C-alpha atoms as a PDB file:
ATOM      1  CA  MET A   1      21.286  21.001 -22.112  1.00  0.00           C
ATOM      2  CA  ALA A   2      18.781  18.559 -20.630  1.00  0.00           C
ATOM      3  CA  ALA A   3      19.744  14.906 -20.487  1.00  0.00           C
ATOM      4  CA  ASN A   4      17.792  12.394 -22.557  1.00  0.00           C
ATOM      5  CA  LYS A   5      16.025  10.928 -19.563  1.00  0.00           C
ATOM      6  CA  ASP A   6      12.737  11.554 -17.790  1.00  0.00           C
ATOM      7  CA  PHE A   7      11.612  11.417 -14.195  1.00  0.00           C
ATOM      8  CA  LEU A   8       8.454  10.177 -12.462  1.00  0.00           C
ATOM      9  CA  TYR A   9       7.824  11.304  -8.899  1.00  0.00           C
ATOM     10  CA  VAL A  10       5.019   9.441  -7.105  1.00  0.00           C
ATOM     11  CA  MET A  11       3.459  10.361  -3.768  1.00  0.00           C
ATOM     12  CA  TYR A  12       1.243   8.401  -1.414  1.00  0.00           C
ATOM     13  CA  MET A  13       0.157   8.170   2.206  1.00  0.00           C
ATOM     14  CA  GLY A  14       2.821   5.693   3.310  1.00  0.00           C
ATOM     15  CA  GLY A  15       2.596   2.949   5.880  1.00  0.00           C
ATOM     16  CA  PRO A  16       4.567   1.367   8.732  1.00  0.00           C
ATOM     17  CA  ASP A  17       7.415  -0.848   7.570  1.00  0.00           C
ATOM     18  CA  SER A  18       7.619  -2.658  10.926  1.00  0.00           C
ATOM     19  CA  LEU A  19       5.533  -3.208  14.029  1.00  0.00           C
ATOM     20  CA  GLN A  20       7.583  -0.543  15.821  1.00  0.00           C
ATOM     21  CA  ALA A  21       6.702   1.964  13.109  1.00  0.00           C
ATOM     22  CA  ILE A  22       2.925   1.662  13.575  1.00  0.00           C
ATOM     23  CA  GLU A  23       2.628   4.183  16.396  1.00  0.00           C
ATOM     24  CA  PRO A  24       4.737   6.966  14.819  1.00  0.00           C
ATOM     25  CA  PHE A  25       2.950   6.429  11.502  1.00  0.00           C
ATOM     26  CA  LEU A  26      -0.454   6.796  13.158  1.00  0.00           C
ATOM     27  CA  TYR A  27       0.706   9.825  15.127  1.00  0.00           C
ATOM     28  CA  ASN A  28       1.849  11.547  11.933  1.00  0.00           C
ATOM     29  CA  LEU A  29      -1.506  10.703  10.351  1.00  0.00           C
ATOM     30  CA  PHE A  30      -3.720  11.926  13.182  1.00  0.00           C
ATOM     31  CA  THR A  31      -1.798  15.157  13.724  1.00  0.00           C
ATOM     32  CA  ASP A  32      -2.354  16.204  10.113  1.00  0.00           C
ATOM     33  CA  ARG A  33      -5.377  18.490  10.309  1.00  0.00           C
ATOM     34  CA  ASP A  34      -5.663  18.464   6.501  1.00  0.00           C
ATOM     35  CA  ILE A  35      -6.738  14.833   6.541  1.00  0.00           C
ATOM     36  CA  ILE A  36      -8.551  14.697   9.917  1.00  0.00           C
ATOM     37  CA  ASP A  37      -9.474  17.848  11.823  1.00  0.00           C
ATOM     38  CA  PHE A  38     -10.887  17.152  15.275  1.00  0.00           C
ATOM     39  CA  GLY A  39     -11.895  20.811  15.528  1.00  0.00           C
ATOM     40  CA  ILE A  40     -10.017  21.344  18.789  1.00  0.00           C
ATOM     41  CA  GLY A  41      -6.951  23.278  17.659  1.00  0.00           C
ATOM     42  CA  ASN A  42      -3.438  22.233  16.729  1.00  0.00           C
ATOM     43  CA  PHE A  43      -1.877  21.515  20.136  1.00  0.00           C
ATOM     44  CA  PRO A  44      -4.895  19.669  21.612  1.00  0.00           C
ATOM     45  CA  GLN A  45      -5.081  17.556  18.456  1.00  0.00           C
ATOM     46  CA  LYS A  46      -1.468  16.497  18.991  1.00  0.00           C
ATOM     47  CA  ILE A  47      -2.348  15.321  22.495  1.00  0.00           C
ATOM     48  CA  VAL A  48      -5.382  13.394  21.246  1.00  0.00           C
ATOM     49  CA  ALA A  49      -3.332  11.984  18.361  1.00  0.00           C
ATOM     50  CA  ARG A  50      -0.726  10.698  20.801  1.00  0.00           C
ATOM     51  CA  ILE A  51      -3.397   8.851  22.768  1.00  0.00           C
ATOM     52  CA  ILE A  52      -5.151   7.449  19.687  1.00  0.00           C
ATOM     53  CA  SER A  53      -1.919   6.297  18.044  1.00  0.00           C
ATOM     54  CA  LYS A  54      -0.775   4.513  21.205  1.00  0.00           C
ATOM     55  CA  VAL A  55      -4.092   2.696  21.677  1.00  0.00           C
ATOM     56  CA  ARG A  56      -4.722   1.958  18.004  1.00  0.00           C
ATOM     57  CA  SER A  57      -1.179   0.711  17.328  1.00  0.00           C
ATOM     58  CA  LYS A  58      -1.736  -2.123  19.806  1.00  0.00           C
ATOM     59  CA  LYS A  59      -5.060  -2.959  18.165  1.00  0.00           C
ATOM     60  CA  VAL A  60      -3.760  -3.129  14.580  1.00  0.00           C
ATOM     61  CA  ALA A  61      -0.374  -4.730  15.331  1.00  0.00           C
ATOM     62  CA  PRO A  62      -1.776  -8.294  14.941  1.00  0.00           C
ATOM     63  CA  GLN A  63      -3.199  -7.279  11.559  1.00  0.00           C
ATOM     64  CA  TYR A  64       0.171  -6.018  10.354  1.00  0.00           C
ATOM     65  CA  GLU A  65       1.742  -9.220  11.666  1.00  0.00           C
ATOM     66  CA  ARG A  66      -0.571 -11.173   9.341  1.00  0.00           C
ATOM     67  CA  LEU A  67       0.662  -8.966   6.495  1.00  0.00           C
ATOM     68  CA  GLY A  68       4.261  -9.912   7.230  1.00  0.00           C
ATOM     69  CA  GLY A  69       5.110  -7.372   9.925  1.00  0.00           C
ATOM     70  CA  GLY A  70       4.403  -4.162   8.031  1.00  0.00           C
ATOM     71  CA  SER A  71       2.463  -2.513   5.239  1.00  0.00           C
ATOM     72  CA  PRO A  72       3.021  -4.036   1.770  1.00  0.00           C
ATOM     73  CA  GLN A  73       2.274  -0.651   0.183  1.00  0.00           C
ATOM     74  CA  LEU A  74       5.868   0.511  -0.354  1.00  0.00           C
ATOM     75  CA  PRO A  75       7.292  -2.811  -1.678  1.00  0.00           C
ATOM     76  CA  ILE A  76       4.385  -3.092  -4.110  1.00  0.00           C
ATOM     77  CA  LEU A  77       4.862   0.480  -5.301  1.00  0.00           C
ATOM     78  CA  LYS A  78       8.610  -0.013  -5.795  1.00  0.00           C
ATOM     79  CA  SER A  79       7.952  -3.128  -7.860  1.00  0.00           C
ATOM     80  CA  LEU A  80       5.292  -1.303  -9.897  1.00  0.00           C
ATOM     81  CA  LEU A  81       7.604   1.617 -10.693  1.00  0.00           C
ATOM     82  CA  GLY A  82      10.341  -0.782 -11.740  1.00  0.00           C
ATOM     83  CA  LYS A  83       7.960  -2.200 -14.329  1.00  0.00           C
ATOM     84  CA  VAL A  84       6.865   1.299 -15.367  1.00  0.00           C
ATOM     85  CA  SER A  85      10.495   2.242 -16.063  1.00  0.00           C
ATOM     86  CA  ASP A  86      11.103  -0.921 -18.100  1.00  0.00           C
ATOM     87  CA  ILE A  87       7.966  -0.494 -20.218  1.00  0.00           C
ATOM     88  CA  TYR A  88       8.635   3.225 -20.685  1.00  0.00           C
ATOM     89  CA  PHE A  89      12.136   2.558 -22.025  1.00  0.00           C
ATOM     90  CA  LYS A  90      10.895  -0.146 -24.410  1.00  0.00           C
ATOM     91  CA  LYS A  91       8.134   2.136 -25.686  1.00  0.00           C
ATOM     92  CA  TYR A  92       9.969   5.465 -25.965  1.00  0.00           C
ATOM     93  CA  GLY A  93      13.669   4.566 -25.849  1.00  0.00           C
ATOM     94  CA  THR A  94      14.081   6.991 -22.957  1.00  0.00           C
ATOM     95  CA  GLU A  95      15.330   6.186 -19.487  1.00  0.00           C
ATOM     96  CA  LEU A  96      12.752   6.882 -16.767  1.00  0.00           C
ATOM     97  CA  GLU A  97      14.035   7.429 -13.257  1.00  0.00           C
ATOM     98  CA  THR A  98      11.538   7.230 -10.410  1.00  0.00           C
ATOM     99  CA  ALA A  99      11.262   8.226  -6.770  1.00  0.00           C
ATOM    100  CA  ILE A 100       8.626   7.836  -4.075  1.00  0.00           C
ATOM    101  CA  GLY A 101       7.595  10.396  -1.467  1.00  0.00           C
ATOM    102  CA  MET A 102       5.251   9.570   1.409  1.00  0.00           C
ATOM    103  CA  CYS A 103       3.261  11.839   3.711  1.00  0.00           C
ATOM    104  CA  TYR A 104       3.269   9.928   6.978  1.00  0.00           C
ATOM    105  CA  TYR A 105       6.258   7.596   6.998  1.00  0.00           C
ATOM    106  CA  HIS A 106       9.548   6.891   5.243  1.00  0.00           C
ATOM    107  CA  PRO A 107      10.498   7.764   2.571  1.00  0.00           C
ATOM    108  CA  TYR A 108       9.121  11.244   3.290  1.00  0.00           C
ATOM    109  CA  ILE A 109       8.388  13.736   0.526  1.00  0.00           C
ATOM    110  CA  LYS A 110      10.757  16.269   2.104  1.00  0.00           C
ATOM    111  CA  ASP A 111      13.602  13.749   1.848  1.00  0.00           C
ATOM    112  CA  THR A 112      13.110  12.385  -1.677  1.00  0.00           C
ATOM    113  CA  VAL A 113      12.090  15.513  -3.575  1.00  0.00           C
ATOM    114  CA  LYS A 114      15.814  16.372  -3.725  1.00  0.00           C
ATOM    115  CA  PHE A 115      16.215  13.739  -6.461  1.00  0.00           C
ATOM    116  CA  LEU A 116      14.033  15.930  -8.642  1.00  0.00           C
ATOM    117  CA  GLN A 117      15.727  19.165  -7.687  1.00  0.00           C
ATOM    118  CA  ASN A 118      19.276  17.953  -8.198  1.00  0.00           C
ATOM    119  CA  GLY A 119      18.747  15.986 -11.405  1.00  0.00           C
ATOM    120  CA  ASN A 120      18.885  16.861 -15.069  1.00  0.00           C
ATOM    121  CA  TYR A 121      15.740  15.663 -16.847  1.00  0.00           C
ATOM    122  CA  GLN A 122      13.936  16.388 -20.069  1.00  0.00           C
ATOM    123  CA  ASN A 123      10.413  15.625 -18.802  1.00  0.00           C
ATOM    124  CA  ILE A 124       9.227  15.459 -15.197  1.00  0.00           C
ATOM    125  CA  PHE A 125       5.926  13.850 -14.181  1.00  0.00           C
ATOM    126  CA  VAL A 126       4.462  14.281 -10.696  1.00  0.00           C
ATOM    127  CA  MET A 127       1.454  12.303  -9.488  1.00  0.00           C
ATOM    128  CA  THR A 128      -0.021  10.517  -6.491  1.00  0.00           C
ATOM    129  CA  MET A 129      -1.379   6.995  -6.202  1.00  0.00           C
ATOM    130  CA  TYR A 130      -4.813   8.400  -5.396  1.00  0.00           C
ATOM    131  CA  PRO A 131      -6.975   8.075  -8.533  1.00  0.00           C
ATOM    132  CA  GLN A 132      -9.639  10.433  -7.182  1.00  0.00           C
ATOM    133  CA  TYR A 133      -8.747  13.867  -5.856  1.00  0.00           C
ATOM    134  CA  SER A 134      -9.367  14.931  -2.280  1.00  0.00           C
ATOM    135  CA  TYR A 135      -7.747  17.806  -0.458  1.00  0.00           C
ATOM    136  CA  THR A 136      -7.184  15.334   2.403  1.00  0.00           C
ATOM    137  CA  THR A 137      -5.122  12.905   0.294  1.00  0.00           C
ATOM    138  CA  SER A 138      -3.777  14.138  -3.047  1.00  0.00           C
ATOM    139  CA  GLY A 139      -4.041  17.691  -1.764  1.00  0.00           C
ATOM    140  CA  ALA A 140      -1.937  16.860   1.290  1.00  0.00           C
ATOM    141  CA  CYS A 141       0.724  15.293  -0.952  1.00  0.00           C
ATOM    142  CA  PHE A 142       0.899  18.208  -3.378  1.00  0.00           C
ATOM    143  CA  SER A 143       0.909  20.733  -0.544  1.00  0.00           C
ATOM    144  CA  ARG A 144       4.038  19.126   0.873  1.00  0.00           C
ATOM    145  CA  PHE A 145       5.594  18.778  -2.566  1.00  0.00           C
ATOM    146  CA  PHE A 146       5.159  22.406  -3.648  1.00  0.00           C
ATOM    147  CA  ASN A 147       6.269  23.653  -0.257  1.00  0.00           C
ATOM    148  CA  GLU A 148       9.538  21.747  -0.667  1.00  0.00           C
ATOM    149  CA  ILE A 149      10.302  22.876  -4.237  1.00  0.00           C
ATOM    150  CA  LYS A 150       9.305  26.557  -3.987  1.00  0.00           C
ATOM    151  CA  SER A 151      12.848  27.705  -3.241  1.00  0.00           C
ATOM    152  CA  ASN A 152      14.508  25.300  -5.701  1.00  0.00           C
ATOM    153  CA  PRO A 153      12.097  24.246  -8.472  1.00  0.00           C
ATOM    154  CA  PRO A 154      13.081  21.310 -10.698  1.00  0.00           C
ATOM    155  CA  LYS A 155      14.474  21.987 -14.147  1.00  0.00           C
ATOM    156  CA  GLY A 156      12.822  20.571 -17.248  1.00  0.00           C
ATOM    157  CA  SER A 157       9.350  20.222 -18.677  1.00  0.00           C
ATOM    158  CA  PHE A 158       7.084  19.789 -15.672  1.00  0.00           C
ATOM    159  CA  LYS A 159       3.711  17.993 -15.658  1.00  0.00           C
ATOM    160  CA  VAL A 160       1.499  17.667 -12.574  1.00  0.00           C
ATOM    161  CA  ILE A 161      -1.231  15.004 -12.614  1.00  0.00           C
ATOM    162  CA  PRO A 162      -3.686  15.839  -9.799  1.00  0.00           C
ATOM    163  CA  TYR A 163      -6.056  12.907 -10.467  1.00  0.00           C
ATOM    164  CA  TRP A 164      -6.591  10.156 -13.017  1.00  0.00           C
ATOM    165  CA  TYR A 165      -9.801   8.305 -12.113  1.00  0.00           C
ATOM    166  CA  GLY A 166     -11.149   8.703 -15.659  1.00  0.00           C
ATOM    167  CA  ASN A 167      -8.186   7.173 -17.477  1.00  0.00           C
ATOM    168  CA  GLU A 168      -9.448   4.527 -19.918  1.00  0.00           C
ATOM    169  CA  SER A 169      -6.512   2.142 -19.539  1.00  0.00           C
ATOM    170  CA  TYR A 170      -6.736   2.212 -15.752  1.00  0.00           C
ATOM    171  CA  ASN A 171     -10.497   1.601 -15.760  1.00  0.00           C
ATOM    172  CA  SER A 172     -10.048  -1.249 -18.239  1.00  0.00           C
ATOM    173  CA  ALA A 173      -7.707  -2.911 -15.741  1.00  0.00           C
ATOM    174  CA  ILE A 174     -10.380  -2.594 -13.051  1.00  0.00           C
ATOM    175  CA  THR A 175     -13.210  -3.870 -15.257  1.00  0.00           C
ATOM    176  CA  ASN A 176     -11.124  -6.884 -16.290  1.00  0.00           C
ATOM    177  CA  ARG A 177     -10.719  -7.799 -12.629  1.00  0.00           C
ATOM    178  CA  ILE A 178     -14.422  -7.394 -11.961  1.00  0.00           C
ATOM    179  CA  ILE A 179     -15.204  -9.731 -14.873  1.00  0.00           C
ATOM    180  CA  ASP A 180     -12.662 -12.218 -13.471  1.00  0.00           C
ATOM    181  CA  ALA A 181     -14.389 -11.967 -10.087  1.00  0.00           C
ATOM    182  CA  ALA A 182     -17.721 -12.880 -11.700  1.00  0.00           C
ATOM    183  CA  ARG A 183     -16.066 -16.009 -13.107  1.00  0.00           C
ATOM    184  CA  LYS A 184     -14.913 -16.912  -9.591  1.00  0.00           C
ATOM    185  CA  LEU A 185     -18.556 -16.694  -8.539  1.00  0.00           C
ATOM    186  CA  ASN A 186     -19.453 -19.022 -11.448  1.00  0.00           C
ATOM    187  CA  THR A 187     -21.939 -16.544 -12.817  1.00  0.00           C
ATOM    188  CA  ASP A 188     -22.297 -13.835 -15.457  1.00  0.00           C
ATOM    189  CA  ILE A 189     -21.663 -10.201 -14.589  1.00  0.00           C
ATOM    190  CA  SER A 190     -25.285  -9.462 -15.558  1.00  0.00           C
ATOM    191  CA  GLU A 191     -26.331 -11.472 -12.500  1.00  0.00           C
ATOM    192  CA  CYS A 192     -23.991  -9.685 -10.090  1.00  0.00           C
ATOM    193  CA  HIS A 193     -24.283  -6.736  -7.748  1.00  0.00           C
ATOM    194  CA  ILE A 194     -21.066  -4.707  -7.573  1.00  0.00           C
ATOM    195  CA  LEU A 195     -20.334  -3.059  -4.249  1.00  0.00           C
ATOM    196  CA  PHE A 196     -17.772  -0.314  -4.854  1.00  0.00           C
ATOM    197  CA  SER A 197     -16.050   0.150  -1.503  1.00  0.00           C
ATOM    198  CA  ALA A 198     -14.050   3.360  -1.058  1.00  0.00           C
ATOM    199  CA  HIS A 199     -11.999   4.710   1.813  1.00  0.00           C
ATOM    200  CA  SER A 200     -14.202   6.920   3.929  1.00  0.00           C
ATOM    201  CA  LEU A 201     -13.512  10.531   4.870  1.00  0.00           C
ATOM    202  CA  PRO A 202     -15.023  12.774   7.548  1.00  0.00           C
ATOM    203  CA  TYR A 203     -18.401  14.089   6.426  1.00  0.00           C
ATOM    204  CA  TYR A 204     -17.269  17.705   6.744  1.00  0.00           C
ATOM    205  CA  THR A 205     -15.067  17.183   3.671  1.00  0.00           C
ATOM    206  CA  LEU A 206     -18.256  16.793   1.627  1.00  0.00           C
ATOM    207  CA  GLU A 207     -19.707  19.940   3.165  1.00  0.00           C
ATOM    208  CA  LYS A 208     -16.522  21.802   2.175  1.00  0.00           C
ATOM    209  CA  GLY A 209     -17.048  20.855  -1.461  1.00  0.00           C
ATOM    210  CA  ASP A 210     -14.287  18.262  -1.739  1.00  0.00           C
ATOM    211  CA  LEU A 211     -14.146  16.532  -5.138  1.00  0.00           C
ATOM    212  CA  TYR A 212     -13.663  13.005  -3.804  1.00  0.00           C
ATOM    213  CA  THR A 213     -17.252  11.746  -3.894  1.00  0.00           C
ATOM    214  CA  ILE A 214     -17.873  13.461  -7.240  1.00  0.00           C
ATOM    215  CA  HIS A 215     -14.901  11.666  -8.784  1.00  0.00           C
ATOM    216  CA  LEU A 216     -15.951   8.361  -7.215  1.00  0.00           C
ATOM    217  CA  LYS A 217     -19.461   8.547  -8.667  1.00  0.00           C
ATOM    218  CA  GLU A 218     -18.179   9.557 -12.113  1.00  0.00           C
ATOM    219  CA  GLN A 219     -15.700   6.673 -12.160  1.00  0.00           C
ATOM    220  CA  VAL A 220     -18.271   4.142 -10.961  1.00  0.00           C
ATOM    221  CA  ASN A 221     -20.634   5.258 -13.718  1.00  0.00           C
ATOM    222  CA  LEU A 222     -17.864   4.788 -16.302  1.00  0.00           C
ATOM    223  CA  ILE A 223     -17.251   1.227 -15.119  1.00  0.00           C
ATOM    224  CA  VAL A 224     -20.930   0.312 -14.786  1.00  0.00           C
ATOM    225  CA  ASP A 225     -21.651   1.595 -18.304  1.00  0.00           C
ATOM    226  CA  ARG A 226     -18.955  -0.735 -19.604  1.00  0.00           C
ATOM    227  CA  ILE A 227     -19.873  -3.973 -17.904  1.00  0.00           C
ATOM    228  CA  LYS A 228     -23.597  -3.524 -17.165  1.00  0.00           C
ATOM    229  CA  PRO A 229     -23.982  -5.495 -13.933  1.00  0.00           C
ATOM    230  CA  LYS A 230     -27.388  -6.380 -12.509  1.00  0.00           C
ATOM    231  CA  SER A 231     -27.025  -3.615  -9.902  1.00  0.00           C
ATOM    232  CA  PHE A 232     -24.415  -1.639  -7.993  1.00  0.00           C
ATOM    233  CA  SER A 233     -23.890   0.580  -4.976  1.00  0.00           C
ATOM    234  CA  ILE A 234     -21.141   2.661  -3.353  1.00  0.00           C
ATOM    235  CA  SER A 235     -20.074   2.354   0.275  1.00  0.00           C
ATOM    236  CA  PHE A 236     -17.289   3.621   2.529  1.00  0.00           C
ATOM    237  CA  GLN A 237     -14.907   1.825   4.862  1.00  0.00           C
ATOM    238  CA  SER A 238     -12.100   2.421   7.372  1.00  0.00           C
ATOM    239  CA  LYS A 239     -13.865   4.990   9.554  1.00  0.00           C
ATOM    240  CA  THR A 240     -11.848   6.147  12.560  1.00  0.00           C
ATOM    241  CA  GLY A 241     -13.202   7.949  15.613  1.00  0.00           C
ATOM    242  CA  ARG A 242     -16.674   9.130  16.591  1.00  0.00           C
ATOM    243  CA  MET A 243     -17.225  12.025  14.193  1.00  0.00           C
ATOM    244  CA  ARG A 244     -19.589  11.593  11.279  1.00  0.00           C
ATOM    245  CA  TRP A 245     -18.017   9.990   8.191  1.00  0.00           C
ATOM    246  CA  LEU A 246     -19.230   9.399   4.646  1.00  0.00           C
ATOM    247  CA  GLU A 247     -22.091   6.907   4.425  1.00  0.00           C
ATOM    248  CA  PRO A 248     -23.224   4.214   4.020  1.00  0.00           C
ATOM    249  CA  SER A 249     -20.498   2.152   5.624  1.00  0.00           C
ATOM    250  CA  THR A 250     -19.461  -1.005   3.784  1.00  0.00           C
ATOM    251  CA  LYS A 251     -20.602  -3.113   6.736  1.00  0.00           C
ATOM    252  CA  ASP A 252     -24.055  -1.476   6.714  1.00  0.00           C
ATOM    253  CA  GLU A 253     -24.343  -1.910   2.952  1.00  0.00           C
ATOM    254  CA  ILE A 254     -23.475  -5.601   3.209  1.00  0.00           C
ATOM    255  CA  ASP A 255     -26.151  -5.954   5.889  1.00  0.00           C
ATOM    256  CA  ARG A 256     -28.631  -4.357   3.470  1.00  0.00           C
ATOM    257  CA  LEU A 257     -27.666  -6.758   0.694  1.00  0.00           C
ATOM    258  CA  ILE A 258     -28.145  -9.700   3.056  1.00  0.00           C
ATOM    259  CA  LYS A 259     -31.501  -8.381   4.254  1.00  0.00           C
ATOM    260  CA  ASP A 260     -32.740  -7.778   0.707  1.00  0.00           C
ATOM    261  CA  ASN A 261     -31.721 -11.296  -0.400  1.00  0.00           C
ATOM    262  CA  TYR A 262     -29.016 -10.367  -2.911  1.00  0.00           C
ATOM    263  CA  ARG A 263     -27.160 -13.410  -4.163  1.00  0.00           C
ATOM    264  CA  ASN A 264     -23.996 -12.686  -6.182  1.00  0.00           C
ATOM    265  CA  VAL A 265     -21.883  -9.785  -4.925  1.00  0.00           C
ATOM    266  CA  ILE A 266     -18.504  -8.484  -6.088  1.00  0.00           C
ATOM    267  CA  VAL A 267     -16.701  -6.053  -3.794  1.00  0.00           C
ATOM    268  CA  CYS A 268     -14.515  -3.686  -5.805  1.00  0.00           C
ATOM    269  CA  PRO A 269     -12.061  -1.619  -3.708  1.00  0.00           C
ATOM    270  CA  ILE A 270     -12.505   1.369  -5.991  1.00  0.00           C
ATOM    271  CA  SER A 271     -10.237   3.871  -4.210  1.00  0.00           C
ATOM    272  CA  PHE A 272      -7.428   1.399  -3.435  1.00  0.00           C
ATOM    273  CA  VAL A 273      -4.802   0.510  -6.034  1.00  0.00           C
ATOM    274  CA  SER A 274      -2.838  -2.000  -3.957  1.00  0.00           C
ATOM    275  CA  ASP A 275      -3.348  -4.491  -1.158  1.00  0.00           C
ATOM    276  CA  HIS A 276      -2.919  -3.489   2.464  1.00  0.00           C
ATOM    277  CA  ILE A 277      -4.937  -3.666   5.691  1.00  0.00           C
ATOM    278  CA  GLU A 278      -8.058  -2.166   4.105  1.00  0.00           C
ATOM    279  CA  THR A 279      -8.302  -4.866   1.443  1.00  0.00           C
ATOM    280  CA  VAL A 280      -6.677  -7.996   2.854  1.00  0.00           C
ATOM    281  CA  ILE A 281      -7.867  -7.637   6.453  1.00  0.00           C
ATOM    282  CA  GLU A 282     -10.899  -5.339   6.448  1.00  0.00           C
ATOM    283  CA  ILE A 283     -12.607  -6.464   3.236  1.00  0.00           C
ATOM    284  CA  ASP A 284     -11.422 -10.074   2.935  1.00  0.00           C
ATOM    285  CA  GLU A 285     -11.250 -11.212   6.547  1.00  0.00           C
ATOM    286  CA  GLU A 286     -13.991  -9.072   8.076  1.00  0.00           C
ATOM    287  CA  TYR A 287     -16.648  -8.116   5.534  1.00  0.00           C
ATOM    288  CA  ILE A 288     -16.493 -11.016   3.092  1.00  0.00           C
ATOM    289  CA  ASP A 289     -16.149 -13.718   5.736  1.00  0.00           C
ATOM    290  CA  TYR A 290     -19.093 -12.142   7.573  1.00  0.00           C
ATOM    291  CA  ALA A 291     -21.242 -11.969   4.433  1.00  0.00           C
ATOM    292  CA  ARG A 292     -20.579 -15.602   3.522  1.00  0.00           C
ATOM    293  CA  LYS A 293     -21.887 -16.732   6.907  1.00  0.00           C
ATOM    294  CA  TYR A 294     -25.227 -15.250   5.870  1.00  0.00           C
ATOM    295  CA  GLY A 295     -25.295 -16.962   2.494  1.00  0.00           C
ATOM    296  CA  LEU A 296     -23.950 -14.311   0.123  1.00  0.00           C
ATOM    297  CA  ASN A 297     -22.033 -15.609  -2.869  1.00  0.00           C
ATOM    298  CA  ILE A 298     -19.410 -12.890  -2.560  1.00  0.00           C
ATOM    299  CA  VAL A 299     -15.832 -12.211  -3.638  1.00  0.00           C
ATOM    300  CA  ARG A 300     -13.475  -9.237  -3.908  1.00  0.00           C
ATOM    301  CA  SER A 301     -12.042  -8.192  -7.247  1.00  0.00           C
ATOM    302  CA  ASP A 302      -8.238  -8.364  -7.258  1.00  0.00           C
ATOM    303  CA  SER A 303      -6.204  -5.251  -6.528  1.00  0.00           C
ATOM    304  CA  LEU A 304      -4.068  -3.789  -9.313  1.00  0.00           C
ATOM    305  CA  ASN A 305      -0.877  -3.960  -7.236  1.00  0.00           C
ATOM    306  CA  ASP A 306       2.257  -4.204  -9.431  1.00  0.00           C
ATOM    307  CA  SER A 307       0.604  -5.876 -12.415  1.00  0.00           C
ATOM    308  CA  ASP A 308       1.850  -5.332 -15.954  1.00  0.00           C
ATOM    309  CA  ASP A 309      -1.421  -3.807 -17.155  1.00  0.00           C
ATOM    310  CA  PHE A 310      -1.442  -1.318 -14.283  1.00  0.00           C
ATOM    311  CA  ALA A 311       2.174  -0.366 -15.058  1.00  0.00           C
ATOM    312  CA  THR A 312       1.117   0.287 -18.650  1.00  0.00           C
ATOM    313  CA  SER A 313      -1.803   2.346 -17.362  1.00  0.00           C
ATOM    314  CA  ILE A 314       0.538   4.527 -15.280  1.00  0.00           C
ATOM    315  CA  ILE A 315       2.466   5.422 -18.438  1.00  0.00           C
ATOM    316  CA  ASP A 316      -0.777   6.228 -20.253  1.00  0.00           C
ATOM    317  CA  ILE A 317      -1.756   8.463 -17.324  1.00  0.00           C
ATOM    318  CA  MET A 318       1.623  10.199 -17.497  1.00  0.00           C
ATOM    319  CA  VAL A 319       1.725  11.012 -21.203  1.00  0.00           C
ATOM    320  CA  ASN A 320      -1.965  11.525 -22.093  1.00  0.00           C
END
């Protein structure tokens, strides 16, 4: 008989928890041909990945130092899931156990999926922290997950949540932060341009029919229909390497806004749910500081992180 408790298993990319972990994290990332395929074969890609990870780890180490010596992604996620469990128990009277599995650094999916397999749960929910689906992100997580459980599947009612970009509660949390950002600019949202900045992917993912950009555009339209800004655009950041990536880049789009004399700009990190290098360093310290030098009245909307409303949204995503 199943116990009167549920389980939430959450997957994500992962990040280095120390300066020493940067290089192995990057190596794991760049050897995964599901997320980045250099088109040179498996073994040559490992050689290239070794070179890139060694060079790039030295470049980004000062950035991680400014973040406290490692990625804040895992601590934020642990805090968020603690709140999710508390709210879930208050709402349903059922204990919710949680576990985290990462693709490219500890705790790895292969190590933590055993909590699911060895437990006794009534309902099991499996999701990633990627709102939009891409075979390079969510797909990579689920591929690892199903490979690990195929010989010993979990017991209990099993629900897989492949994406959740359209969830109303989640989008309400984002729109509230965009409205707050307009207040920081001392203007009304109707006088603002919203720049939705998403993590870029190699262009070949679009040619392969990946759902990522489709989901992004649908979600942006949902948000824009709610708050009706003066204007909006979508851009992509965090390109790595020389191959063609999704365009326009966030830097190029900011240059366009400067050139076309836009005044009030809110950058919304639409594909990021928590703070890390891409938001705190890349958007805040690079793009926004740059744009302000050229006269833009610009601010970033706050990340969801481990906020109470985001924790409530996660539960809504789970059960609806």
